[in-house]
């Protein structure tokens, strides 16, 4: 749904890798061959005035930023690579 052209074509494979860096740290790497998109440059959502005005969805990047201890993106050889480091409690 995100990044894949609606009429086919392009890369539709997403690779996920979860590494245990240490007893306290997980590293999630997400790779795809879709069009370049740097989620670290996406603007923060504007808080709604009321619950009734709150839109459904649109908080995925915001939530990743909130829970990650590190968040980085790079594009290499037509591949998007997002690395999210999560400290384990």
Protein backbone atom coordinates (compact mmCIF):
# COMPACT_ATOMS: atom_id res chain seq x y z
CA UNK A 1 0.00 0.00 0.00
CA UNK A 2 2.81 2.42 0.81
CA UNK A 3 5.29 3.14 -1.95
CA UNK A 4 4.18 0.55 -4.51
CA UNK A 5 2.66 1.94 -7.71
CA UNK A 6 -1.12 1.24 -7.77
CA UNK A 7 -1.03 -0.41 -11.22
CA UNK A 8 1.71 -2.91 -10.55
CA UNK A 9 5.33 -2.55 -11.40
CA UNK A 10 8.00 -1.50 -8.99
CA UNK A 11 9.22 -3.56 -6.10
CA UNK A 12 6.56 -5.06 -3.89
CA UNK A 13 8.83 -7.04 -1.57
CA UNK A 14 9.59 -5.72 1.89
CA UNK A 15 12.37 -7.36 3.89
CA UNK A 16 12.38 -7.21 7.68
CA UNK A 17 15.33 -8.15 9.84
CA UNK A 18 15.36 -8.14 13.63
CA UNK A 19 18.74 -8.34 15.33
CA UNK A 20 19.35 -8.71 19.06
CA UNK A 21 22.22 -6.26 19.55
CA UNK A 22 22.48 -7.04 23.27
CA UNK A 23 20.25 -8.07 26.14
CA UNK A 24 19.00 -4.47 26.20
CA UNK A 25 18.73 -3.57 22.53
CA UNK A 26 16.85 -4.71 19.41
CA UNK A 27 17.57 -3.42 15.90
CA UNK A 28 14.82 -3.62 13.27
CA UNK A 29 15.84 -3.06 9.65
CA UNK A 30 13.17 -2.58 6.99
CA UNK A 31 14.19 -2.63 3.30
CA UNK A 32 12.23 -2.19 0.09
CA UNK A 33 12.86 -1.24 -3.52
CA UNK A 34 10.05 1.31 -3.78
CA UNK A 35 10.43 5.00 -4.52
CA UNK A 36 12.67 6.83 -2.08
CA UNK A 37 10.97 8.07 1.08
CA UNK A 38 12.78 9.31 4.17
CA UNK A 39 10.40 8.94 7.13
CA UNK A 40 12.81 10.85 9.36
CA UNK A 41 12.01 13.99 7.33
CA UNK A 42 8.21 13.59 7.66
CA UNK A 43 6.62 16.35 9.74
CA UNK A 44 5.26 15.60 13.20
CA UNK A 45 1.47 15.34 13.34
CA UNK A 46 -0.52 18.33 14.57
CA UNK A 47 -2.41 17.38 17.74
CA UNK A 48 -6.19 17.53 17.23
CA UNK A 49 -8.22 20.08 19.17
CA UNK A 50 -10.63 17.38 20.32
CA UNK A 51 -11.08 13.64 20.09
CA UNK A 52 -13.97 14.19 17.67
CA UNK A 53 -11.58 15.99 15.28
CA UNK A 54 -8.82 13.37 15.55
CA UNK A 55 -8.26 11.59 12.21
CA UNK A 56 -8.00 7.82 12.04
CA UNK A 57 -4.48 6.71 11.18
CA UNK A 58 -1.47 8.73 10.15
CA UNK A 59 0.52 8.15 13.35
CA UNK A 60 2.83 5.28 12.30
CA UNK A 61 5.97 7.37 11.79
CA UNK A 62 5.23 9.41 14.90
CA UNK A 63 4.88 6.23 17.00
CA UNK A 64 8.13 4.80 15.62
CA UNK A 65 9.92 8.01 16.59
CA UNK A 66 8.44 7.93 20.10
CA UNK A 67 9.43 4.34 20.89
CA UNK A 68 12.78 4.17 19.11
CA UNK A 69 16.01 5.09 20.82
CA UNK A 70 17.54 5.61 17.34
CA UNK A 71 15.92 6.01 13.93
CA UNK A 72 17.84 6.31 10.66
CA UNK A 73 17.13 6.13 6.94
CA UNK A 74 19.35 5.79 3.91
CA UNK A 75 18.80 5.03 0.24
CA UNK A 76 21.41 2.87 -1.44
CA UNK A 77 21.36 1.13 -4.84
CA UNK A 78 17.61 1.84 -5.35
CA UNK A 79 16.84 0.38 -1.91
CA UNK A 80 15.24 2.16 1.05
CA UNK A 81 16.75 1.07 4.34
CA UNK A 82 15.14 2.14 7.61
CA UNK A 83 16.91 1.14 10.81
CA UNK A 84 15.09 1.43 14.13
CA UNK A 85 16.87 0.74 17.41
CA UNK A 86 14.67 -0.14 20.35
CA UNK A 87 15.96 -0.29 23.91
CA UNK A 88 14.41 -3.21 25.77
CA UNK A 89 13.03 -2.44 29.25
